[in-house]
Amino acid sequence: MSETAWEPGKKSAERFARAERLFPGGVNSPVRAFRAVGGRPFFVERAEGPFLWDVDDNRYIDYVMSWGPAILGHADPDVTEAIRSAAARGASFGACHEGEVLLAEEVNALMPWIETMRFVSSGTEATMSAARLARAFTGRPRIVKFEGCYHGHADPFLVKAGSGAATFGEPDSPGVPEKTASDTLTLPYNDLRAVEERFMRDGDTIAAVFVEPVAGNMGCIPPAEGFLEGLRRLSTASGALLVFDEVITGFRVAPGGAAERYGVRPDLATLGKILGGGLPVGLYGGRREIMERVSPAGPVYQAGTLSGNPTAMAAGLAVLRKLRGAPGTYEDLETKGALLERGLQRGASEAGIPVTIHRVGSMLGLFFHPGPVRSWSEAAASDRKKYAAFFQGLLRRGIWIAPSPFEALFVSTAHAERTIEETAAAAREAFLEAAAA
């Protein structure tokens, strides 16, 4: 690889040129286009363990890990065999099968507060369905969300704050009707006082509070002390539902997700990513009395041809059984996450670059900002140019992190300590280049 600005190899460049003719921006999800870090994307040929290989046969140590799902690493043999075996019996039935029940029982064993659940095909579908259910259950129109927390691209969640953080929302994307946006109240993450003030004004109109209990879509930002407990208290007092979006944190930060790690139980939760073992899947579930409003048990309609897809159920079941059946898995992830955190912090210090690193288990956020970073406004003040230079420097050295300064890094059980130490050495050089840039 060149020691100047990183560029994809010839085969990747050719494939991206073809893709640009077929997909908006050449990609099927926006961040993949590298717009935030410069250059053009590489195309993956294969992945195994903690590594990716592109079509030009460059190898990368991967800390994107499919944006979180690959907690066991890529192409884990047990998961691969489960998918192969399920596909051989039929890729899709559109009918009931035991795999749905087995995976649901595993979820319930790890997260007993999810008493009843419904499988869907994506995190967006899960949060969209949970919002509809919350409105139906409470008979109220409004939902609260937080700046920087991403809950998928359904209309009610593509809303930003207006003039002042506690005003009614306005659309954050063309195509979202103003009437829809007006029922979404956007508040600053980790600001419990703002939530208290909003509930004092509009508590009897709020159906639910949606929150990433550990923010994972503006980097990794943990909840401030008392924040989740305060959301629980305010929701209960007003009759609103508390909904944890654990699409990223579910089975990642603890076997029972962030709800277990922080000891706060939501009324509803949404899951995805690790739940599907790398295949498309989502879930929403929680208290039985709420979920019994969902059709056909109740009047709230939601359906999906591929819901409970047998290959996705098999993959997810293999992952959860392996996580639950191997003693010390989460302690190992904690150790490896801490090792990567120390390596990054050391490299930044030696380069004289002020950074803030947050870590929750095997999930990390790196901000080119002296801190504190507790909310979207503080995360957004990070030095994006230095992140882009750092990203490019790592990529030249065969290290793959998110092509956006506002995404998390993920460690898997497949990352060996020597691999993380190799990453730390590469990061030191990349930090020095970013400082010079």
Protein backbone atom coordinates (compact mmCIF):
# COMPACT_ATOMS: atom_id res chain seq x y z
CA MET A 1 0.00 0.00 0.00
CA SER A 2 1.14 3.57 -0.72
CA GLU A 3 2.56 5.73 2.08
CA THR A 4 0.59 8.73 0.76
CA ALA A 5 -3.20 9.05 0.72
CA TRP A 6 -4.82 5.64 0.71
CA GLU A 7 -6.61 4.59 -2.45
CA PRO A 8 -8.46 1.36 -3.17
CA GLY A 9 -6.85 -1.19 -5.44
CA LYS A 10 -7.63 -1.50 -9.12
CA LYS A 11 -10.30 -4.18 -8.70
CA SER A 12 -12.11 -2.27 -5.93
CA ALA A 13 -12.02 0.95 -7.98
CA GLU A 14 -13.48 -0.87 -10.99
CA ARG A 15 -16.28 -2.40 -8.94
CA PHE A 16 -17.14 0.94 -7.35
CA ALA A 17 -17.37 2.55 -10.79
CA ARG A 18 -19.92 -0.11 -11.73
CA ALA A 19 -21.76 0.37 -8.44
CA GLU A 20 -22.06 4.13 -8.97
CA ARG A 21 -24.15 3.44 -12.06
CA LEU A 22 -26.53 1.21 -10.13
CA PHE A 23 -26.86 2.54 -6.56
CA PRO A 24 -27.33 6.07 -5.13
CA GLY A 25 -23.80 7.21 -4.37
CA GLY A 26 -22.58 3.76 -5.33
CA VAL A 27 -23.62 2.16 -2.02
CA ASN A 28 -26.52 0.49 -0.24
CA SER A 29 -25.94 2.28 3.07
CA PRO A 30 -24.59 5.86 3.16
CA VAL A 31 -21.52 5.59 5.44
CA ARG A 32 -19.99 2.96 3.18
CA ALA A 33 -19.29 5.65 0.56
CA PHE A 34 -16.34 7.12 2.58
CA ARG A 35 -17.72 10.66 2.17
CA ALA A 36 -16.74 11.55 5.76
CA VAL A 37 -13.13 10.37 5.45
CA GLY A 38 -12.25 10.92 1.79
CA GLY A 39 -11.39 8.50 -0.97
CA ARG A 40 -13.41 5.59 -2.27
CA PRO A 41 -14.34 2.32 -0.58
CA PHE A 42 -12.69 -1.03 -0.99
CA PHE A 43 -14.77 -4.10 -1.88
CA VAL A 44 -14.65 -7.10 0.43
CA GLU A 45 -13.84 -10.51 -1.00
CA ARG A 46 -14.05 -12.56 2.20
CA ALA A 47 -13.77 -12.38 5.98
CA GLU A 48 -12.59 -14.75 8.69
CA GLY A 49 -12.02 -14.25 12.41
CA PRO A 50 -10.93 -10.62 13.01
CA PHE A 51 -9.84 -10.08 9.39
CA LEU A 52 -11.23 -8.86 6.07
CA TRP A 53 -9.62 -9.33 2.63
CA ASP A 54 -10.55 -7.03 -0.23
CA VAL A 55 -10.79 -8.02 -3.89
CA ASP A 56 -7.22 -6.79 -4.40
CA ASP A 57 -6.05 -9.25 -1.70
CA ASN A 58 -5.24 -6.62 0.94
CA ARG A 59 -5.84 -7.87 4.49
CA TYR A 60 -7.34 -5.65 7.21
CA ILE A 61 -7.77 -6.11 10.95
CA ASP A 62 -11.45 -5.34 11.36
CA TYR A 63 -12.94 -3.22 14.14
CA VAL A 64 -16.20 -2.49 12.32
CA MET A 65 -17.26 -6.13 12.58
CA SER A 66 -20.28 -5.59 10.32
CA TRP A 67 -21.17 -2.63 12.58
CA GLY A 68 -21.35 -4.87 15.65
CA PRO A 69 -22.95 -8.25 14.87
CA ALA A 70 -19.72 -10.27 14.48
CA ILE A 71 -19.06 -10.66 18.21
CA LEU A 72 -17.55 -14.12 17.56
CA GLY A 73 -15.57 -12.87 14.59
CA HIS A 74 -16.33 -13.48 10.93
CA ALA A 75 -17.30 -16.89 9.57
CA ASP A 76 -17.35 -18.57 12.97
CA PRO A 77 -17.44 -22.31 12.14
CA ASP A 78 -20.41 -23.10 14.39
CA VAL A 79 -22.47 -20.21 13.05
CA THR A 80 -21.52 -21.01 9.46
CA GLU A 81 -22.56 -24.64 9.90
CA ALA A 82 -25.87 -23.59 11.48
CA ILE A 83 -26.65 -21.35 8.50
CA ARG A 84 -25.62 -24.03 6.02
CA SER A 85 -27.75 -26.67 7.72
CA ALA A 86 -30.79 -24.38 7.95
CA ALA A 87 -30.50 -23.29 4.31
CA ALA A 88 -30.35 -26.93 3.20
CA ARG A 89 -33.77 -27.44 4.79
CA GLY A 90 -35.22 -24.38 3.06
CA ALA A 91 -34.26 -20.70 3.09
CA SER A 92 -37.74 -19.38 3.82
CA PHE A 93 -41.04 -20.96 4.80
CA GLY A 94 -43.47 -18.12 5.48
CA ALA A 95 -44.84 -20.42 8.17
CA CYS A 96 -44.21 -21.33 11.82
CA HIS A 97 -41.11 -23.40 12.63
CA GLU A 98 -39.27 -24.48 15.76
CA GLY A 99 -36.27 -22.24 15.13
CA GLU A 100 -38.37 -19.19 16.07
CA VAL A 101 -39.29 -20.74 19.40
CA LEU A 102 -35.75 -21.87 20.18
CA LEU A 103 -34.26 -18.42 19.57
CA ALA A 104 -37.05 -16.70 21.51
CA GLU A 105 -36.44 -19.01 24.46
CA GLU A 106 -32.75 -18.13 24.35
CA VAL A 107 -33.54 -14.40 24.31
CA ASN A 108 -35.93 -14.81 27.22
CA ALA A 109 -33.30 -16.73 29.20
CA LEU A 110 -30.77 -13.92 28.75
CA MET A 111 -33.29 -11.07 29.02
CA PRO A 112 -36.16 -12.30 31.21
CA TRP A 113 -37.86 -8.88 31.14
CA ILE A 114 -38.62 -9.58 27.46
CA GLU A 115 -41.58 -11.77 28.32
CA THR A 116 -43.16 -11.75 24.86
CA MET A 117 -41.58 -10.77 21.56
CA ARG A 118 -42.02 -10.48 17.80
CA PHE A 119 -39.27 -11.16 15.28
CA VAL A 120 -38.92 -8.77 12.34
CA SER A 121 -36.24 -8.28 9.68
CA SER A 122 -34.34 -5.14 10.78
CA GLY A 123 -33.72 -2.76 13.63
CA THR A 124 -35.64 -0.05 11.78
CA GLU A 125 -38.67 -2.30 11.55
CA ALA A 126 -38.38 -3.15 15.24
CA THR A 127 -38.29 0.46 16.47
CA MET A 128 -41.00 1.55 14.02
CA SER A 129 -43.25 -1.23 15.32
CA ALA A 130 -42.43 -0.45 18.96
CA ALA A 131 -43.40 3.20 18.43
CA ARG A 132 -46.77 2.23 16.96
CA LEU A 133 -47.37 -0.23 19.80
CA ALA A 134 -46.46 2.36 22.47
CA ARG A 135 -48.89 4.86 20.99
CA ALA A 136 -51.64 2.28 20.86
CA PHE A 137 -51.02 1.04 24.41
CA THR A 138 -50.95 4.51 26.00
CA GLY A 139 -53.41 6.27 23.68
CA ARG A 140 -50.91 9.14 23.36
CA PRO A 141 -49.34 10.59 20.19
CA ARG A 142 -45.82 11.76 21.06
CA ILE A 143 -42.47 10.06 21.50
CA VAL A 144 -39.26 11.39 23.04
CA LYS A 145 -35.89 10.66 21.44
CA PHE A 146 -32.39 12.03 21.98
CA GLU A 147 -30.02 13.92 19.71
CA GLY A 148 -27.38 11.61 18.30
CA CYS A 149 -29.31 8.43 19.04
CA TYR A 150 -30.26 6.57 15.87
CA HIS A 151 -33.31 4.34 15.85
CA GLY A 152 -33.49 3.49 12.18
CA HIS A 153 -34.91 5.45 9.30
CA ALA A 154 -38.66 5.32 9.99
CA ASP A 155 -40.27 8.75 9.69
CA PRO A 156 -40.82 9.42 13.45
CA PHE A 157 -37.11 8.96 14.16
CA LEU A 158 -35.64 11.10 11.37
CA VAL A 159 -36.27 14.22 13.39
CA LYS A 160 -33.87 16.73 14.91
CA ALA A 161 -34.36 19.43 17.50
CA GLY A 162 -35.65 22.77 16.33
CA SER A 163 -34.52 26.14 17.75
CA GLY A 164 -33.60 25.04 21.23
CA ALA A 165 -33.17 21.43 22.27
CA ALA A 166 -36.57 21.06 23.92
CA THR A 167 -38.74 22.39 21.08
CA PHE A 168 -40.97 20.31 18.89
CA GLY A 169 -39.07 18.51 16.19
CA GLU A 170 -38.65 19.30 12.54
CA PRO A 171 -37.86 16.85 9.75
CA ASP A 172 -34.23 15.77 9.44
CA SER A 173 -34.79 14.34 5.95
CA PRO A 174 -36.87 15.35 2.95
CA GLY A 175 -39.93 13.17 2.68
CA VAL A 176 -40.75 13.25 6.40
CA PRO A 177 -44.06 15.13 6.85
CA GLU A 178 -44.01 18.03 9.28
CA LYS A 179 -47.07 16.58 11.03
CA THR A 180 -45.16 13.37 11.73
CA ALA A 181 -42.12 15.29 12.97
CA SER A 182 -44.24 17.45 15.26
CA ASP A 183 -45.07 14.42 17.39
CA THR A 184 -41.39 13.64 18.03
CA LEU A 185 -39.71 15.55 20.86
CA THR A 186 -35.92 15.60 20.57
CA LEU A 187 -33.85 16.26 23.69
CA PRO A 188 -30.11 16.28 24.53
CA TYR A 189 -28.71 12.88 25.48
CA ASN A 190 -27.62 12.60 29.13
CA ASP A 191 -29.58 15.75 30.08
CA LEU A 192 -32.09 14.53 32.63
CA ARG A 193 -33.17 18.05 33.54
CA ALA A 194 -34.35 18.64 29.97
CA VAL A 195 -36.38 15.42 30.16
CA GLU A 196 -37.91 16.46 33.48
CA GLU A 197 -38.92 19.84 32.05
CA ARG A 198 -40.46 18.24 28.98
CA PHE A 199 -42.48 15.80 31.08
CA MET A 200 -43.71 18.67 33.26
CA ARG A 201 -45.03 20.41 30.14
CA ASP A 202 -46.24 17.51 28.00
CA GLY A 203 -46.12 14.35 30.09
CA ASP A 204 -49.75 13.43 29.48
CA THR A 205 -49.14 13.41 25.69
CA ILE A 206 -45.94 11.30 25.69
CA ALA A 207 -46.39 7.67 24.72
CA ALA A 208 -42.79 6.56 25.04
CA VAL A 209 -39.19 7.53 25.61
CA PHE A 210 -36.82 5.89 23.11
CA VAL A 211 -33.15 5.78 24.02
CA GLU A 212 -29.96 3.97 23.15
CA PRO A 213 -28.92 3.10 26.73
CA VAL A 214 -25.34 3.36 25.50
CA ALA A 215 -25.26 5.68 22.52
CA GLY A 216 -23.62 3.89 19.62
CA ASN A 217 -24.40 6.12 16.68
CA MET A 218 -22.45 9.21 17.76
CA GLY A 219 -19.47 7.14 18.74
CA CYS A 220 -19.79 5.27 22.01
CA ILE A 221 -21.15 7.47 24.79
CA PRO A 222 -22.22 5.79 28.03
CA PRO A 223 -25.15 7.03 30.09
CA ALA A 224 -24.37 9.56 32.78
CA GLU A 225 -24.84 8.38 36.35
CA GLY A 226 -28.56 8.39 37.12
CA PHE A 227 -29.67 9.14 33.56
CA LEU A 228 -31.29 5.79 32.78
CA GLU A 229 -32.70 5.55 36.29
CA GLY A 230 -34.20 9.00 35.84
CA LEU A 231 -35.80 8.03 32.54
CA ARG A 232 -37.30 4.99 34.26
CA ARG A 233 -38.68 7.09 37.10
CA LEU A 234 -40.15 9.80 34.85
CA SER A 235 -41.70 7.32 32.43
CA THR A 236 -43.33 5.33 35.21
CA ALA A 237 -44.67 8.43 36.94
CA SER A 238 -46.28 9.78 33.77
CA GLY A 239 -47.62 6.52 32.37
CA ALA A 240 -45.27 6.59 29.37
CA LEU A 241 -43.29 3.56 28.23
CA LEU A 242 -39.51 3.37 28.42
CA VAL A 243 -38.05 1.74 25.29
CA PHE A 244 -34.41 0.67 25.14
CA ASP A 245 -33.00 0.48 21.64
CA GLU A 246 -30.52 -2.34 22.20
CA VAL A 247 -29.93 -3.10 18.54
CA ILE A 248 -26.22 -2.41 19.14
CA THR A 249 -25.85 -3.08 22.87
CA GLY A 250 -27.98 -6.21 23.08
CA PHE A 251 -25.71 -9.19 23.94
CA ARG A 252 -22.72 -6.88 23.32
CA VAL A 253 -22.13 -4.99 26.58
CA ALA A 254 -23.38 -7.86 28.76
CA PRO A 255 -25.26 -11.13 28.17
CA GLY A 256 -28.47 -9.29 28.99
CA GLY A 257 -27.45 -6.10 27.22
CA ALA A 258 -27.36 -2.62 28.72
CA ALA A 259 -30.47 -3.31 30.79
CA GLU A 260 -28.48 -5.93 32.70
CA ARG A 261 -25.27 -3.91 32.84
CA TYR A 262 -26.96 -0.83 34.32
CA GLY A 263 -29.75 -2.55 36.23
CA VAL A 264 -32.60 -0.63 34.61
CA ARG A 265 -35.48 -2.53 33.02
CA PRO A 266 -37.38 -0.98 30.13
CA ASP A 267 -41.00 -1.66 29.23
CA LEU A 268 -40.04 -2.57 25.68
CA ALA A 269 -36.72 -3.28 23.98
CA THR A 270 -35.61 -3.58 20.38
CA LEU A 271 -32.83 -5.93 19.29
CA GLY A 272 -30.92 -6.75 16.12
CA LYS A 273 -27.32 -7.22 14.91
CA ILE A 274 -25.87 -9.95 17.19
CA LEU A 275 -29.36 -11.44 17.46
CA GLY A 276 -29.12 -12.53 13.81
CA GLY A 277 -25.55 -13.75 13.79
CA GLY A 278 -24.79 -11.56 10.78
CA LEU A 279 -28.07 -12.17 8.95
CA PRO A 280 -30.89 -9.58 8.73
CA VAL A 281 -33.10 -9.77 11.81
CA GLY A 282 -34.74 -7.58 14.41
CA LEU A 283 -36.99 -8.02 17.44
CA TYR A 284 -39.24 -5.94 19.63
CA GLY A 285 -40.59 -7.23 22.89
CA GLY A 286 -41.15 -6.63 26.57
CA ARG A 287 -43.96 -6.75 29.09
CA ARG A 288 -46.61 -9.29 28.19
CA GLU A 289 -49.53 -6.93 28.76
CA ILE A 290 -48.08 -4.54 26.19
CA MET A 291 -47.10 -7.12 23.58
CA GLU A 292 -50.53 -8.74 23.74
CA ARG A 293 -51.82 -5.69 21.90
CA VAL A 294 -49.96 -6.91 18.78
CA SER A 295 -51.97 -8.74 16.10
CA PRO A 296 -53.32 -11.41 16.11
CA ALA A 297 -53.52 -11.31 19.93
CA GLY A 298 -54.60 -7.66 19.75
CA PRO A 299 -55.49 -4.87 17.33
CA VAL A 300 -52.03 -3.37 16.57
CA TYR A 301 -51.15 -4.64 13.11
CA GLN A 302 -47.68 -5.69 12.05
CA ALA A 303 -46.62 -8.49 9.70
CA GLY A 304 -43.66 -9.61 7.61
CA THR A 305 -43.08 -12.36 5.07
CA LEU A 306 -39.51 -12.97 6.22
CA SER A 307 -40.12 -12.47 9.96
CA GLY A 308 -38.60 -15.42 11.80
CA ASN A 309 -36.60 -16.43 8.73
CA PRO A 310 -35.17 -19.92 9.42
CA THR A 311 -31.59 -19.14 8.38
CA ALA A 312 -31.50 -15.99 10.53
CA MET A 313 -33.02 -17.85 13.49
CA ALA A 314 -30.41 -20.61 13.16
CA ALA A 315 -27.54 -18.12 12.99
CA GLY A 316 -28.75 -16.15 15.98
CA LEU A 317 -29.35 -19.29 18.02
CA ALA A 318 -25.82 -20.51 17.32
CA VAL A 319 -24.33 -17.18 18.45
CA LEU A 320 -26.38 -16.84 21.64
CA ARG A 321 -25.81 -20.46 22.67
CA LYS A 322 -22.08 -20.06 22.14
CA LEU A 323 -22.01 -16.79 24.13
CA ARG A 324 -24.02 -18.31 26.97
CA GLY A 325 -22.22 -21.64 26.96
CA ALA A 326 -18.62 -20.45 27.10
CA PRO A 327 -17.59 -19.32 30.62
CA GLY A 328 -15.50 -16.18 30.70
CA THR A 329 -16.56 -14.87 27.29
CA TYR A 330 -17.56 -11.42 28.50
CA GLU A 331 -14.56 -11.16 30.82
CA ASP A 332 -12.37 -11.92 27.79
CA LEU A 333 -14.15 -9.25 25.72
CA GLU A 334 -13.72 -6.77 28.59
CA THR A 335 -9.98 -7.51 28.74
CA LYS A 336 -9.51 -7.13 25.00
CA GLY A 337 -11.56 -3.94 24.88
CA ALA A 338 -9.42 -2.47 27.67
CA LEU A 339 -6.24 -3.48 25.84
CA LEU A 340 -7.35 -1.67 22.70
CA GLU A 341 -8.41 1.37 24.74
CA ARG A 342 -4.98 1.61 26.39
CA GLY A 343 -3.20 1.22 23.06
CA LEU A 344 -5.20 3.99 21.43
CA GLN A 345 -4.81 6.31 24.41
CA ARG A 346 -1.06 5.72 24.53
CA GLY A 347 -0.65 6.40 20.81
CA ALA A 348 -2.65 9.63 21.00
CA SER A 349 -0.66 10.81 24.01
CA GLU A 350 2.67 10.14 22.30
CA ALA A 351 1.47 12.08 19.26
CA GLY A 352 0.28 14.97 21.43
CA ILE A 353 -3.30 14.72 20.16
CA PRO A 354 -6.06 15.32 22.72
CA VAL A 355 -8.64 12.55 22.42
CA THR A 356 -11.50 11.21 24.48
CA ILE A 357 -12.04 7.46 24.48
CA HIS A 358 -15.16 5.89 25.91
CA ARG A 359 -15.46 2.16 26.37
CA VAL A 360 -18.32 -0.05 27.50
CA GLY A 361 -17.08 -3.63 27.41
CA SER A 362 -16.02 -4.49 23.86
CA MET A 363 -17.53 -1.33 22.38
CA LEU A 364 -15.42 1.86 22.06
CA GLY A 365 -15.77 5.44 20.89
CA LEU A 366 -12.80 7.55 19.77
CA PHE A 367 -13.27 11.32 19.67
CA PHE A 368 -10.64 13.81 18.49
CA HIS A 369 -11.80 16.13 21.24
CA PRO A 370 -10.30 16.84 24.70
CA GLY A 371 -13.68 16.14 26.29
CA PRO A 372 -15.94 15.85 27.98
CA VAL A 373 -18.08 14.05 25.39
CA ARG A 374 -21.47 13.27 26.89
CA SER A 375 -23.89 14.39 24.16
CA TRP A 376 -24.27 14.97 20.44
CA SER A 377 -23.25 18.65 20.65
CA GLU A 378 -19.98 17.69 22.33
CA ALA A 379 -19.35 14.77 19.97
CA ALA A 380 -20.01 17.01 16.97
CA ALA A 381 -17.22 19.35 18.14
CA SER A 382 -14.65 16.62 17.41
CA ASP A 383 -11.94 17.32 14.85
CA ARG A 384 -13.30 15.53 11.80
CA LYS A 385 -10.25 16.27 9.64
CA LYS A 386 -7.92 14.64 12.14
CA TYR A 387 -10.20 11.61 12.29
CA ALA A 388 -10.11 11.35 8.49
CA ALA A 389 -6.30 11.53 8.52
CA PHE A 390 -6.16 8.91 11.28
CA PHE A 391 -8.58 6.67 9.36
CA GLN A 392 -6.47 6.93 6.22
CA GLY A 393 -3.29 6.22 8.17
CA LEU A 394 -4.77 3.10 9.71
CA LEU A 395 -6.14 1.86 6.40
CA ARG A 396 -2.69 2.14 4.82
CA ARG A 397 -1.43 -0.07 7.65
CA GLY A 398 -4.16 -2.66 7.23
CA ILE A 399 -6.49 -1.56 10.04
CA TRP A 400 -10.20 -1.07 9.27
CA ILE A 401 -12.28 1.22 11.51
CA ALA A 402 -15.55 2.95 10.72
CA PRO A 403 -15.38 5.46 7.84
CA SER A 404 -17.16 7.99 10.06
CA PRO A 405 -16.06 9.81 13.21
CA PHE A 406 -19.42 9.09 14.83
CA GLU A 407 -19.48 5.30 14.88
CA ALA A 408 -18.23 2.81 17.44
CA LEU A 409 -15.34 0.35 17.28
CA PHE A 410 -16.05 -3.28 18.14
CA VAL A 411 -13.82 -6.04 19.46
CA SER A 412 -14.70 -9.71 18.99
CA THR A 413 -13.70 -12.91 20.73
CA ALA A 414 -11.60 -13.65 17.61
CA HIS A 415 -9.28 -10.67 18.16
CA ALA A 416 -6.10 -12.09 19.69
CA GLU A 417 -4.07 -9.91 22.06
CA ARG A 418 -1.19 -9.84 19.56
CA THR A 419 -3.62 -8.57 16.91
CA ILE A 420 -4.73 -5.75 19.20
CA GLU A 421 -1.09 -4.93 20.00
CA GLU A 422 -0.38 -4.78 16.25
CA THR A 423 -3.29 -2.37 15.98
CA ALA A 424 -1.91 -0.19 18.78
CA ALA A 425 1.46 0.06 17.03
CA ALA A 426 -0.23 1.04 13.76
CA ALA A 427 -2.42 3.54 15.61
CA ARG A 428 0.64 5.25 17.09
CA GLU A 429 2.00 5.94 13.60
CA ALA A 430 -1.42 7.01 12.33
CA PHE A 431 -1.83 9.43 15.26
CA LEU A 432 1.58 10.96 14.44
CA GLU A 433 0.48 11.45 10.83
CA ALA A 434 -2.80 12.97 11.95
CA ALA A 435 -0.93 15.39 14.19
CA ALA A 436 1.27 16.46 11.29
CA ALA A 437 -1.74 16.83 9.01
